Amino acid sequence: MKATTLNKQSGFSLVELMISLILGIFITGGMLQLFVNSNQSYRVQENISRLQENGRFAMDFISKDIRAADYWGCMNNTTFIENNLNLGSVYDNFGNAIVGTNNSGLNNSDTITVAGAASSGVYVVATPATTSANLKVTPNSPLRENDIVIVSDCTAGDIFQVTNDPTTGGAGNKDELTHNTGAVSAGPGNLDQPLQKIYDTNAQVYKLKSIAYTIAAGANGEAALFRSSNGAATEELVEGINDMQILYGVDTNGDNSPNYYAASNTLTSAQMNQVKSVRISLLAITQEDNLATEPLPYSILGVTTTPTDRKIRRVYTTTIAIRNRLL
C-alpha cells in the first residue's frame, strides 16, 4: 500500500500580511470617515433645529407684546388718565406706550419697551362713597397686593398700586382694592390716595404691564434675548439671539398706514406716538462653531456682515401692527 504525504501549513507570506494590513487600514479609514461625516451632519442638523426654534420662540414673544401695546381698556385717549403712582416707576410716561433705543444693547443691538393694560375680567361692583374709598370689585379676582392697575369707565381712568390683599377683608363677597399712600413692600407706591372721580359699576379694573426686551450675555456667556416685566430684573428668555434691530413705521397723514420706517434715535416722542407698526429683525446663531465649511455672511436691515467664525446664522424679520393704534 502506497503512503500518502501530507503538506504542512506554511502560514502567510510577508506580502500577504502587508496587503491585509493595507486593506484593513482602508476599511478602518472608511469607517472613521463615515462616522465623522455622520457626526458632523448630526451636529449641523441639531444646531439648525435649535436655531430655528429659538428664532421662532423669540419672535412669537416679542410679536405678542407689541401687538397688545398701548391698550388702556376702553380709554383711547391717555389725556384723561391720571397717574397716582410715586415718581420713579416705569409708568412715569405711560402715554409713551412704545419706547426704543438704538444700538444700546450687546452687539450694538436695539431695545424696545411696550406698555399697556391687560384684561382681567374685574369690574367695580359697588359705587364707593368717596374718591379715597376702597374699590369693591368682582370676587375671586386675579388681582394681588402690589399690582399696578388702572380703573376706567371709558371717560376717565386712574392708575394706582393695590396696597392690600384684595381677597381678605372684603365685605359682602366682594374683593376690595385699597390705594393708600405710604410705604409698600414692593413697587413705587401711591403719591395720591384720592382718585379723580367716583367710579360707578360701569368701570373696569385692568392690570398694567410694561415689558422691555434687550440683548445681553446669557448664562452660557453668549448673547441671548432678555425680558423685563414692570421694571423687575431682566430674565433670560431665549438663548442664541445675537442681535435685534428695530425700525418704527410712522403714520404722518392719519390713515393708519406707515409712511416711512426709521430707527428710534431719529424719532421724537411725538413721532413715536404716531408709530403704527414695528419692523423687527432678529439674528439667531448656533451655539456650536465649525459647522460651516467657511464663514457665512448674513444681512440684517440691508447691512451685510461676514463673521470670522464658522457658526450658522439666520435672520428673522417681521412687521408687527400695533392693533390698538389702528382703531
C-alpha atoms as a PDB file:
ATOM      1  CA  MET A   1       0.000   0.000   0.000  1.00  0.00           C
ATOM      2  CA  LYS A   2       1.371   3.436  -1.051  1.00  0.00           C
ATOM      3  CA  ALA A   3       1.862   6.005   1.759  1.00  0.00           C
ATOM      4  CA  THR A   4       0.307   9.497   1.440  1.00  0.00           C
ATOM      5  CA  THR A   5       2.418  12.516   2.313  1.00  0.00           C
ATOM      6  CA  LEU A   6       0.608  15.489   3.929  1.00  0.00           C
ATOM      7  CA  ASN A   7       1.819  19.097   3.248  1.00  0.00           C
ATOM      8  CA  LYS A   8       2.400  21.208   6.350  1.00  0.00           C
ATOM      9  CA  GLN A   9       0.758  24.643   6.759  1.00  0.00           C
ATOM     10  CA  SER A  10       3.446  27.198   5.997  1.00  0.00           C
ATOM     11  CA  GLY A  11       1.459  30.410   7.073  1.00  0.00           C
ATOM     12  CA  PHE A  12       1.088  33.769   5.283  1.00  0.00           C
ATOM     13  CA  SER A  13       3.839  35.389   3.376  1.00  0.00           C
ATOM     14  CA  LEU A  14       5.046  38.901   4.182  1.00  0.00           C
ATOM     15  CA  VAL A  15       3.404  40.250   1.035  1.00  0.00           C
ATOM     16  CA  GLU A  16       0.073  38.759   2.029  1.00  0.00           C
ATOM     17  CA  LEU A  17       0.330  40.286   5.501  1.00  0.00           C
ATOM     18  CA  MET A  18       1.133  43.711   4.072  1.00  0.00           C
ATOM     19  CA  ILE A  19      -1.787  43.526   1.666  1.00  0.00           C
ATOM     20  CA  SER A  20      -4.122  42.501   4.520  1.00  0.00           C
ATOM     21  CA  LEU A  21      -2.810  45.342   6.681  1.00  0.00           C
ATOM     22  CA  ILE A  22      -3.332  47.911   3.931  1.00  0.00           C
ATOM     23  CA  LEU A  23      -6.857  46.647   3.238  1.00  0.00           C
ATOM     24  CA  GLY A  24      -7.627  46.830   6.952  1.00  0.00           C
ATOM     25  CA  ILE A  25      -6.358  50.418   7.094  1.00  0.00           C
ATOM     26  CA  PHE A  26      -8.520  51.393   4.120  1.00  0.00           C
ATOM     27  CA  ILE A  27     -11.602  49.777   5.653  1.00  0.00           C
ATOM     28  CA  THR A  28     -10.963  51.318   9.079  1.00  0.00           C
ATOM     29  CA  GLY A  29     -10.317  54.724   7.493  1.00  0.00           C
ATOM     30  CA  GLY A  30     -13.540  54.491   5.525  1.00  0.00           C
ATOM     31  CA  MET A  31     -15.495  53.622   8.639  1.00  0.00           C
ATOM     32  CA  LEU A  32     -13.901  56.504  10.547  1.00  0.00           C
ATOM     33  CA  GLN A  33     -14.673  58.906   7.708  1.00  0.00           C
ATOM     34  CA  LEU A  34     -18.271  57.693   7.613  1.00  0.00           C
ATOM     35  CA  PHE A  35     -18.547  58.219  11.358  1.00  0.00           C
ATOM     36  CA  VAL A  36     -17.037  61.709  11.170  1.00  0.00           C
ATOM     37  CA  ASN A  37     -19.347  62.707   8.323  1.00  0.00           C
ATOM     38  CA  SER A  38     -22.387  61.319  10.107  1.00  0.00           C
ATOM     39  CA  ASN A  39     -21.453  63.070  13.345  1.00  0.00           C
ATOM     40  CA  GLN A  40     -20.898  66.384  11.542  1.00  0.00           C
ATOM     41  CA  SER A  41     -24.214  66.051   9.721  1.00  0.00           C
ATOM     42  CA  TYR A  42     -25.929  65.364  13.048  1.00  0.00           C
ATOM     43  CA  ARG A  43     -24.241  68.420  14.652  1.00  0.00           C
ATOM     44  CA  VAL A  44     -25.331  70.666  11.798  1.00  0.00           C
ATOM     45  CA  GLN A  45     -28.932  69.457  11.817  1.00  0.00           C
ATOM     46  CA  GLU A  46     -29.191  69.604  15.615  1.00  0.00           C
ATOM     47  CA  ASN A  47     -27.827  73.155  15.775  1.00  0.00           C
ATOM     48  CA  ILE A  48     -30.017  74.375  12.898  1.00  0.00           C
ATOM     49  CA  SER A  49     -33.090  72.905  14.607  1.00  0.00           C
ATOM     50  CA  ARG A  50     -32.289  74.735  17.831  1.00  0.00           C
ATOM     51  CA  LEU A  51     -31.527  77.934  15.915  1.00  0.00           C
ATOM     52  CA  GLN A  52     -34.892  77.824  14.148  1.00  0.00           C
ATOM     53  CA  GLU A  53     -36.714  77.046  17.381  1.00  0.00           C
ATOM     54  CA  ASN A  54     -35.012  79.921  19.208  1.00  0.00           C
ATOM     55  CA  GLY A  55     -35.785  82.353  16.404  1.00  0.00           C
ATOM     56  CA  ARG A  56     -39.447  81.309  16.292  1.00  0.00           C
ATOM     57  CA  PHE A  57     -39.914  81.472  20.063  1.00  0.00           C
ATOM     58  CA  ALA A  58     -38.218  84.875  20.352  1.00  0.00           C
ATOM     59  CA  MET A  59     -40.301  86.382  17.554  1.00  0.00           C
ATOM     60  CA  ASP A  60     -43.533  84.948  18.984  1.00  0.00           C
ATOM     61  CA  PHE A  61     -42.895  86.501  22.419  1.00  0.00           C
ATOM     62  CA  ILE A  62     -41.994  89.926  21.044  1.00  0.00           C
ATOM     63  CA  SER A  63     -44.806  89.989  18.465  1.00  0.00           C
ATOM     64  CA  LYS A  64     -47.473  89.185  21.049  1.00  0.00           C
ATOM     65  CA  ASP A  65     -46.421  92.018  23.373  1.00  0.00           C
ATOM     66  CA  ILE A  66     -46.031  94.618  20.606  1.00  0.00           C
ATOM     67  CA  ARG A  67     -49.448  93.806  19.139  1.00  0.00           C
ATOM     68  CA  ALA A  68     -51.051  94.413  22.550  1.00  0.00           C
ATOM     69  CA  ALA A  69     -49.188  97.667  23.286  1.00  0.00           C
ATOM     70  CA  ASP A  70     -50.985 100.940  24.046  1.00  0.00           C
ATOM     71  CA  TYR A  71     -54.169  99.246  25.277  1.00  0.00           C
ATOM     72  CA  TRP A  72     -55.774 101.112  28.194  1.00  0.00           C
ATOM     73  CA  GLY A  73     -59.090  99.369  28.461  1.00  0.00           C
ATOM     74  CA  CYS A  74     -61.926 101.294  26.856  1.00  0.00           C
ATOM     75  CA  MET A  75     -59.893 104.515  27.006  1.00  0.00           C
ATOM     76  CA  ASN A  76     -58.474 105.518  23.647  1.00  0.00           C
ATOM     77  CA  ASN A  77     -57.015 108.793  24.850  1.00  0.00           C
ATOM     78  CA  THR A  78     -54.439 108.770  27.657  1.00  0.00           C
ATOM     79  CA  THR A  79     -55.045 112.508  28.223  1.00  0.00           C
ATOM     80  CA  PHE A  80     -57.896 111.578  30.561  1.00  0.00           C
ATOM     81  CA  ILE A  81     -55.868 109.064  32.586  1.00  0.00           C
ATOM     82  CA  GLU A  82     -54.355 110.240  35.884  1.00  0.00           C
ATOM     83  CA  ASN A  83     -51.211 108.593  37.232  1.00  0.00           C
ATOM     84  CA  ASN A  84     -51.366 108.341  41.050  1.00  0.00           C
ATOM     85  CA  LEU A  85     -48.050 106.485  41.430  1.00  0.00           C
ATOM     86  CA  ASN A  86     -44.931 107.912  43.014  1.00  0.00           C
ATOM     87  CA  LEU A  87     -42.364 109.090  40.502  1.00  0.00           C
ATOM     88  CA  GLY A  88     -39.657 106.633  39.511  1.00  0.00           C
ATOM     89  CA  SER A  89     -41.772 103.818  38.095  1.00  0.00           C
ATOM     90  CA  VAL A  90     -41.863 102.509  34.530  1.00  0.00           C
ATOM     91  CA  TYR A  91     -45.237 104.246  34.210  1.00  0.00           C
ATOM     92  CA  ASP A  92     -43.952 107.803  34.675  1.00  0.00           C
ATOM     93  CA  ASN A  93     -44.520 108.385  30.968  1.00  0.00           C
ATOM     94  CA  PHE A  94     -47.217 105.792  30.381  1.00  0.00           C
ATOM     95  CA  GLY A  95     -48.558 107.850  27.494  1.00  0.00           C
ATOM     96  CA  ASN A  96     -45.436 106.848  25.565  1.00  0.00           C
ATOM     97  CA  ALA A  97     -46.541 103.250  25.211  1.00  0.00           C
ATOM     98  CA  ILE A  98     -43.725 102.337  22.814  1.00  0.00           C
ATOM     99  CA  VAL A  99     -40.152 103.392  23.545  1.00  0.00           C
ATOM    100  CA  GLY A 100     -36.986 102.189  21.864  1.00  0.00           C
ATOM    101  CA  THR A 101     -33.247 102.731  21.997  1.00  0.00           C
ATOM    102  CA  ASN A 102     -30.819 102.324  19.136  1.00  0.00           C
ATOM    103  CA  ASN A 103     -27.552 100.329  19.331  1.00  0.00           C
ATOM    104  CA  SER A 104     -27.564 100.359  23.144  1.00  0.00           C
ATOM    105  CA  GLY A 105     -27.537  96.610  23.814  1.00  0.00           C
ATOM    106  CA  LEU A 106     -24.964  93.866  23.393  1.00  0.00           C
ATOM    107  CA  ASN A 107     -23.523  93.690  19.859  1.00  0.00           C
ATOM    108  CA  ASN A 108     -24.984  97.157  19.178  1.00  0.00           C
ATOM    109  CA  SER A 109     -28.495  95.731  19.341  1.00  0.00           C
ATOM    110  CA  ASP A 110     -31.640  97.793  19.854  1.00  0.00           C
ATOM    111  CA  THR A 111     -34.084  97.644  22.756  1.00  0.00           C
ATOM    112  CA  ILE A 112     -37.836  98.118  22.913  1.00  0.00           C
ATOM    113  CA  THR A 113     -40.254  98.750  25.800  1.00  0.00           C
ATOM    114  CA  VAL A 114     -44.035  98.494  25.432  1.00  0.00           C
ATOM    115  CA  ALA A 115     -46.733  99.371  27.950  1.00  0.00           C
ATOM    116  CA  GLY A 116     -50.461  98.886  28.264  1.00  0.00           C
ATOM    117  CA  ALA A 117     -53.271  97.207  30.152  1.00  0.00           C
ATOM    118  CA  ALA A 118     -54.226  93.549  30.272  1.00  0.00           C
ATOM    119  CA  SER A 119     -57.840  92.496  30.579  1.00  0.00           C
ATOM    120  CA  SER A 120     -58.510  90.887  33.968  1.00  0.00           C
ATOM    121  CA  GLY A 121     -62.306  90.486  33.915  1.00  0.00           C
ATOM    122  CA  VAL A 122     -62.631  92.630  37.031  1.00  0.00           C
ATOM    123  CA  TYR A 123     -65.484  95.142  37.445  1.00  0.00           C
ATOM    124  CA  VAL A 124     -66.413  97.667  40.098  1.00  0.00           C
ATOM    125  CA  VAL A 125     -69.479  96.121  41.747  1.00  0.00           C
ATOM    126  CA  ALA A 126     -70.436  98.855  44.217  1.00  0.00           C
ATOM    127  CA  THR A 127     -70.229 102.623  43.999  1.00  0.00           C
ATOM    128  CA  PRO A 128     -67.730 103.969  46.581  1.00  0.00           C
ATOM    129  CA  ALA A 129     -68.745 106.821  48.864  1.00  0.00           C
ATOM    130  CA  THR A 130     -65.690 108.982  48.146  1.00  0.00           C
ATOM    131  CA  THR A 131     -62.754 109.105  45.742  1.00  0.00           C
ATOM    132  CA  SER A 132     -60.477 107.818  48.544  1.00  0.00           C
ATOM    133  CA  ALA A 133     -62.629 104.819  49.452  1.00  0.00           C
ATOM    134  CA  ASN A 134     -61.707 101.242  48.654  1.00  0.00           C
ATOM    135  CA  LEU A 135     -62.950  99.894  45.355  1.00  0.00           C
ATOM    136  CA  LYS A 136     -65.253  96.910  45.763  1.00  0.00           C
ATOM    137  CA  VAL A 137     -64.706  94.655  42.755  1.00  0.00           C
ATOM    138  CA  THR A 138     -65.513  91.250  41.332  1.00  0.00           C
ATOM    139  CA  PRO A 139     -64.855  88.476  43.919  1.00  0.00           C
ATOM    140  CA  ASN A 140     -62.067  85.959  43.436  1.00  0.00           C
ATOM    141  CA  SER A 141     -60.301  88.353  41.099  1.00  0.00           C
ATOM    142  CA  PRO A 142     -56.746  87.697  39.818  1.00  0.00           C
ATOM    143  CA  LEU A 143     -55.552  90.969  41.381  1.00  0.00           C
ATOM    144  CA  ARG A 144     -52.946  90.807  44.144  1.00  0.00           C
ATOM    145  CA  GLU A 145     -51.223  93.140  46.576  1.00  0.00           C
ATOM    146  CA  ASN A 146     -48.675  95.470  44.889  1.00  0.00           C
ATOM    147  CA  ASP A 147     -50.264  95.042  41.453  1.00  0.00           C
ATOM    148  CA  ILE A 148     -50.248  98.191  39.326  1.00  0.00           C
ATOM    149  CA  VAL A 149     -53.742  98.679  37.896  1.00  0.00           C
ATOM    150  CA  ILE A 150     -55.929 101.146  36.064  1.00  0.00           C
ATOM    151  CA  VAL A 151     -59.614 101.688  36.805  1.00  0.00           C
ATOM    152  CA  SER A 152     -61.565 103.178  33.912  1.00  0.00           C
ATOM    153  CA  ASP A 153     -65.135 103.877  32.875  1.00  0.00           C
ATOM    154  CA  CYS A 154     -64.261 104.947  29.306  1.00  0.00           C
ATOM    155  CA  THR A 155     -64.452 108.647  30.163  1.00  0.00           C
ATOM    156  CA  ALA A 156     -61.602 108.766  32.691  1.00  0.00           C
ATOM    157  CA  GLY A 157     -59.012 106.477  34.216  1.00  0.00           C
ATOM    158  CA  ASP A 158     -56.762 106.278  37.282  1.00  0.00           C
ATOM    159  CA  ILE A 159     -53.515 104.348  37.651  1.00  0.00           C
ATOM    160  CA  PHE A 160     -52.637 103.217  41.175  1.00  0.00           C
ATOM    161  CA  GLN A 161     -50.948 100.458  43.144  1.00  0.00           C
ATOM    162  CA  VAL A 162     -53.025  97.989  45.138  1.00  0.00           C
ATOM    163  CA  THR A 163     -51.815  98.295  48.754  1.00  0.00           C
ATOM    164  CA  ASN A 164     -53.715  95.411  50.338  1.00  0.00           C
ATOM    165  CA  ASP A 165     -54.550  91.786  49.711  1.00  0.00           C
ATOM    166  CA  PRO A 166     -57.806  92.152  47.744  1.00  0.00           C
ATOM    167  CA  THR A 167     -59.045  88.716  48.786  1.00  0.00           C
ATOM    168  CA  THR A 168     -59.160  89.498  52.522  1.00  0.00           C
ATOM    169  CA  GLY A 169     -61.414  91.897  54.340  1.00  0.00           C
ATOM    170  CA  GLY A 170     -63.904  92.243  51.521  1.00  0.00           C
ATOM    171  CA  ALA A 171     -67.488  92.708  52.610  1.00  0.00           C
ATOM    172  CA  GLY A 172     -70.461  91.018  51.015  1.00  0.00           C
ATOM    173  CA  ASN A 173     -68.497  88.529  48.922  1.00  0.00           C
ATOM    174  CA  LYS A 174     -66.503  91.225  47.141  1.00  0.00           C
ATOM    175  CA  ASP A 175     -62.798  91.807  46.692  1.00  0.00           C
ATOM    176  CA  GLU A 176     -61.583  95.213  47.820  1.00  0.00           C
ATOM    177  CA  LEU A 177     -58.774  97.327  46.374  1.00  0.00           C
ATOM    178  CA  THR A 178     -57.049  99.779  48.686  1.00  0.00           C
ATOM    179  CA  HIS A 179     -54.972 102.591  47.186  1.00  0.00           C
ATOM    180  CA  ASN A 180     -53.359 104.132  50.239  1.00  0.00           C
ATOM    181  CA  THR A 181     -50.235 106.260  50.228  1.00  0.00           C
ATOM    182  CA  GLY A 182     -47.154 105.318  52.267  1.00  0.00           C
ATOM    183  CA  ALA A 183     -44.598 102.530  52.182  1.00  0.00           C
ATOM    184  CA  VAL A 184     -45.245  99.336  50.210  1.00  0.00           C
ATOM    185  CA  SER A 185     -43.392  96.027  50.248  1.00  0.00           C
ATOM    186  CA  ALA A 186     -42.638  96.222  46.522  1.00  0.00           C
ATOM    187  CA  GLY A 187     -43.186  98.812  43.817  1.00  0.00           C
ATOM    188  CA  PRO A 188     -43.394 102.604  43.643  1.00  0.00           C
ATOM    189  CA  GLY A 189     -46.356 103.150  45.971  1.00  0.00           C
ATOM    190  CA  ASN A 190     -49.023 105.815  45.558  1.00  0.00           C
ATOM    191  CA  LEU A 191     -48.398 109.546  45.590  1.00  0.00           C
ATOM    192  CA  ASP A 192     -52.107 110.340  45.985  1.00  0.00           C
ATOM    193  CA  GLN A 193     -54.937 108.336  47.519  1.00  0.00           C
ATOM    194  CA  PRO A 194     -57.978 110.153  46.070  1.00  0.00           C
ATOM    195  CA  LEU A 195     -58.873 109.177  42.524  1.00  0.00           C
ATOM    196  CA  GLN A 196     -60.005 111.817  40.052  1.00  0.00           C
ATOM    197  CA  LYS A 197     -63.634 110.689  40.257  1.00  0.00           C
ATOM    198  CA  ILE A 198     -66.004 108.214  41.877  1.00  0.00           C
ATOM    199  CA  TYR A 199     -66.154 105.175  39.632  1.00  0.00           C
ATOM    200  CA  ASP A 200     -69.551 103.550  39.300  1.00  0.00           C
ATOM    201  CA  THR A 201     -70.396  99.943  38.424  1.00  0.00           C
ATOM    202  CA  ASN A 202     -69.726 100.562  34.729  1.00  0.00           C
ATOM    203  CA  ALA A 203     -65.994 100.805  35.452  1.00  0.00           C
ATOM    204  CA  GLN A 204     -63.452  98.034  34.948  1.00  0.00           C
ATOM    205  CA  VAL A 205     -60.067  97.356  36.539  1.00  0.00           C
ATOM    206  CA  TYR A 206     -57.125  96.213  34.425  1.00  0.00           C
ATOM    207  CA  LYS A 207     -53.631  95.091  35.371  1.00  0.00           C
ATOM    208  CA  LEU A 208     -50.914  97.205  33.785  1.00  0.00           C
ATOM    209  CA  LYS A 209     -47.785  95.818  32.228  1.00  0.00           C
ATOM    210  CA  SER A 210     -44.571  97.333  30.961  1.00  0.00           C
ATOM    211  CA  ILE A 211     -42.313  94.894  29.129  1.00  0.00           C
ATOM    212  CA  ALA A 212     -38.785  95.570  27.911  1.00  0.00           C
ATOM    213  CA  TYR A 213     -36.743  93.421  25.515  1.00  0.00           C
ATOM    214  CA  THR A 214     -32.982  93.632  25.127  1.00  0.00           C
ATOM    215  CA  ILE A 215     -29.966  91.563  24.092  1.00  0.00           C
ATOM    216  CA  ALA A 216     -27.432  90.724  26.797  1.00  0.00           C
ATOM    217  CA  ALA A 217     -24.986  87.990  27.789  1.00  0.00           C
ATOM    218  CA  GLY A 218     -26.807  84.840  28.859  1.00  0.00           C
ATOM    219  CA  ALA A 219     -25.956  82.159  31.393  1.00  0.00           C
ATOM    220  CA  ASN A 220     -23.546  80.493  28.944  1.00  0.00           C
ATOM    221  CA  GLY A 221     -21.768  83.776  28.210  1.00  0.00           C
ATOM    222  CA  GLU A 222     -23.294  84.069  24.743  1.00  0.00           C
ATOM    223  CA  ALA A 223     -25.821  86.663  23.576  1.00  0.00           C
ATOM    224  CA  ALA A 224     -29.458  85.956  24.424  1.00  0.00           C
ATOM    225  CA  LEU A 225     -32.842  87.685  24.406  1.00  0.00           C
ATOM    226  CA  PHE A 226     -33.779  89.110  27.799  1.00  0.00           C
ATOM    227  CA  ARG A 227     -37.134  90.333  29.056  1.00  0.00           C
ATOM    228  CA  SER A 228     -38.122  92.535  31.988  1.00  0.00           C
ATOM    229  CA  SER A 229     -41.675  92.999  33.308  1.00  0.00           C
ATOM    230  CA  ASN A 230     -42.817  96.083  35.231  1.00  0.00           C
ATOM    231  CA  GLY A 231     -39.280  97.246  35.948  1.00  0.00           C
ATOM    232  CA  ALA A 232     -38.181  93.979  37.586  1.00  0.00           C
ATOM    233  CA  ALA A 233     -34.768  92.438  36.951  1.00  0.00           C
ATOM    234  CA  THR A 234     -34.247  91.187  33.413  1.00  0.00           C
ATOM    235  CA  GLU A 235     -34.561  87.449  32.847  1.00  0.00           C
ATOM    236  CA  GLU A 236     -33.040  85.379  30.068  1.00  0.00           C
ATOM    237  CA  LEU A 237     -35.847  84.392  27.727  1.00  0.00           C
ATOM    238  CA  VAL A 238     -34.295  82.744  24.649  1.00  0.00           C
ATOM    239  CA  GLU A 239     -30.663  81.783  24.106  1.00  0.00           C
ATOM    240  CA  GLY A 240     -28.857  82.142  20.812  1.00  0.00           C
ATOM    241  CA  ILE A 241     -30.342  85.522  19.811  1.00  0.00           C
ATOM    242  CA  ASN A 242     -27.276  87.535  18.827  1.00  0.00           C
ATOM    243  CA  ASP A 243     -28.789  90.800  17.617  1.00  0.00           C
ATOM    244  CA  MET A 244     -32.082  92.716  17.425  1.00  0.00           C
ATOM    245  CA  GLN A 245     -32.589  95.620  15.038  1.00  0.00           C
ATOM    246  CA  ILE A 246     -35.833  97.619  15.041  1.00  0.00           C
ATOM    247  CA  LEU A 247     -37.479 100.128  12.727  1.00  0.00           C
ATOM    248  CA  TYR A 248     -40.681 102.004  13.544  1.00  0.00           C
ATOM    249  CA  GLY A 249     -43.418 102.680  10.991  1.00  0.00           C
ATOM    250  CA  VAL A 250     -44.624 106.286  11.357  1.00  0.00           C
ATOM    251  CA  ASP A 251     -48.033 107.389  10.083  1.00  0.00           C
ATOM    252  CA  THR A 252     -47.801 111.066   9.092  1.00  0.00           C
ATOM    253  CA  ASN A 253     -51.211 111.560   7.458  1.00  0.00           C
ATOM    254  CA  GLY A 254     -53.563 109.730   9.840  1.00  0.00           C
ATOM    255  CA  ASP A 255     -54.600 106.888   7.505  1.00  0.00           C
ATOM    256  CA  ASN A 256     -53.297 104.200   9.916  1.00  0.00           C
ATOM    257  CA  SER A 257     -50.667 103.140   7.390  1.00  0.00           C
ATOM    258  CA  PRO A 258     -46.942 103.866   7.958  1.00  0.00           C
ATOM    259  CA  ASN A 259     -45.471 106.421   5.576  1.00  0.00           C
ATOM    260  CA  TYR A 260     -41.880 105.526   6.439  1.00  0.00           C
ATOM    261  CA  TYR A 261     -39.782 103.378   8.765  1.00  0.00           C
ATOM    262  CA  ALA A 262     -36.995 104.810  10.894  1.00  0.00           C
ATOM    263  CA  ALA A 263     -34.769 103.961  13.866  1.00  0.00           C
ATOM    264  CA  SER A 264     -35.818 105.185  17.316  1.00  0.00           C
ATOM    265  CA  ASN A 265     -32.916 107.620  17.679  1.00  0.00           C
ATOM    266  CA  THR A 266     -34.198 109.604  14.684  1.00  0.00           C
ATOM    267  CA  LEU A 267     -37.753 109.988  16.021  1.00  0.00           C
ATOM    268  CA  THR A 268     -39.189 112.442  18.524  1.00  0.00           C
ATOM    269  CA  SER A 269     -41.588 111.419  21.280  1.00  0.00           C
ATOM    270  CA  ALA A 270     -44.477 112.801  19.217  1.00  0.00           C
ATOM    271  CA  GLN A 271     -43.410 110.754  16.202  1.00  0.00           C
ATOM    272  CA  MET A 272     -43.134 107.615  18.349  1.00  0.00           C
ATOM    273  CA  ASN A 273     -46.770 108.163  19.301  1.00  0.00           C
ATOM    274  CA  GLN A 274     -47.587 108.080  15.575  1.00  0.00           C
ATOM    275  CA  VAL A 275     -45.982 104.651  15.136  1.00  0.00           C
ATOM    276  CA  LYS A 276     -48.484 102.137  13.740  1.00  0.00           C
ATOM    277  CA  SER A 277     -46.211  99.147  13.234  1.00  0.00           C
ATOM    278  CA  VAL A 278     -42.805  97.852  14.246  1.00  0.00           C
ATOM    279  CA  ARG A 279     -40.368  96.009  11.986  1.00  0.00           C
ATOM    280  CA  ILE A 280     -38.069  93.694  13.910  1.00  0.00           C
ATOM    281  CA  SER A 281     -35.096  91.677  12.681  1.00  0.00           C
ATOM    282  CA  LEU A 282     -33.637  89.028  14.989  1.00  0.00           C
ATOM    283  CA  LEU A 283     -30.290  87.366  14.344  1.00  0.00           C
ATOM    284  CA  ALA A 284     -30.279  83.787  15.619  1.00  0.00           C
ATOM    285  CA  ILE A 285     -26.961  81.963  15.899  1.00  0.00           C
ATOM    286  CA  THR A 286     -25.907  78.376  16.577  1.00  0.00           C
ATOM    287  CA  GLN A 287     -24.250  77.655  19.898  1.00  0.00           C
ATOM    288  CA  GLU A 288     -21.524  75.470  18.346  1.00  0.00           C
ATOM    289  CA  ASP A 289     -18.768  76.605  15.967  1.00  0.00           C
ATOM    290  CA  ASN A 290     -17.152  74.887  12.954  1.00  0.00           C
ATOM    291  CA  LEU A 291     -20.470  73.836  11.466  1.00  0.00           C
ATOM    292  CA  ALA A 292     -19.998  75.518   8.080  1.00  0.00           C
ATOM    293  CA  THR A 293     -17.066  74.926   5.737  1.00  0.00           C
ATOM    294  CA  GLU A 294     -16.327  78.665   5.661  1.00  0.00           C
ATOM    295  CA  PRO A 295     -17.570  81.894   7.294  1.00  0.00           C
ATOM    296  CA  LEU A 296     -21.129  82.619   6.151  1.00  0.00           C
ATOM    297  CA  PRO A 297     -22.096  86.293   5.578  1.00  0.00           C
ATOM    298  CA  TYR A 298     -25.518  87.491   6.695  1.00  0.00           C
ATOM    299  CA  SER A 299     -27.578  90.632   6.033  1.00  0.00           C
ATOM    300  CA  ILE A 300     -29.777  92.438   8.541  1.00  0.00           C
ATOM    301  CA  LEU A 301     -31.746  95.559   7.531  1.00  0.00           C
ATOM    302  CA  GLY A 302     -29.596  95.943   4.432  1.00  0.00           C
ATOM    303  CA  VAL A 303     -26.233  95.696   6.209  1.00  0.00           C
ATOM    304  CA  THR A 304     -24.140  92.660   5.256  1.00  0.00           C
ATOM    305  CA  THR A 305     -21.583  91.268   7.695  1.00  0.00           C
ATOM    306  CA  THR A 306     -19.049  88.456   7.247  1.00  0.00           C
ATOM    307  CA  PRO A 307     -18.154  86.849  10.593  1.00  0.00           C
ATOM    308  CA  THR A 308     -14.791  85.320  11.452  1.00  0.00           C
ATOM    309  CA  ASP A 309     -16.182  82.056  12.844  1.00  0.00           C
ATOM    310  CA  ARG A 310     -17.950  79.193  11.092  1.00  0.00           C
ATOM    311  CA  LYS A 311     -21.220  79.264  13.017  1.00  0.00           C
ATOM    312  CA  ILE A 312     -24.557  79.248  11.190  1.00  0.00           C
ATOM    313  CA  ARG A 313     -26.779  82.330  11.428  1.00  0.00           C
ATOM    314  CA  ARG A 314     -30.315  83.091  10.327  1.00  0.00           C
ATOM    315  CA  VAL A 315     -32.093  86.468  10.203  1.00  0.00           C
ATOM    316  CA  TYR A 316     -35.813  86.505  11.050  1.00  0.00           C
ATOM    317  CA  THR A 317     -37.715  89.652  10.082  1.00  0.00           C
ATOM    318  CA  THR A 318     -41.367  90.511  10.595  1.00  0.00           C
ATOM    319  CA  THR A 319     -43.546  93.618  10.678  1.00  0.00           C
ATOM    320  CA  ILE A 320     -45.986  93.810  13.597  1.00  0.00           C
ATOM    321  CA  ALA A 321     -49.054  96.041  13.542  1.00  0.00           C
ATOM    322  CA  ILE A 322     -49.956  97.788  16.802  1.00  0.00           C
ATOM    323  CA  ARG A 323     -53.631  96.933  16.679  1.00  0.00           C
ATOM    324  CA  ASN A 324     -54.716  99.351  19.423  1.00  0.00           C
ATOM    325  CA  ARG A 325     -53.463 102.236  17.302  1.00  0.00           C
ATOM    326  CA  LEU A 326     -55.412 101.122  14.263  1.00  0.00           C
ATOM    327  CA  LEU A 327     -58.848 101.580  15.822  1.00  0.00           C
END
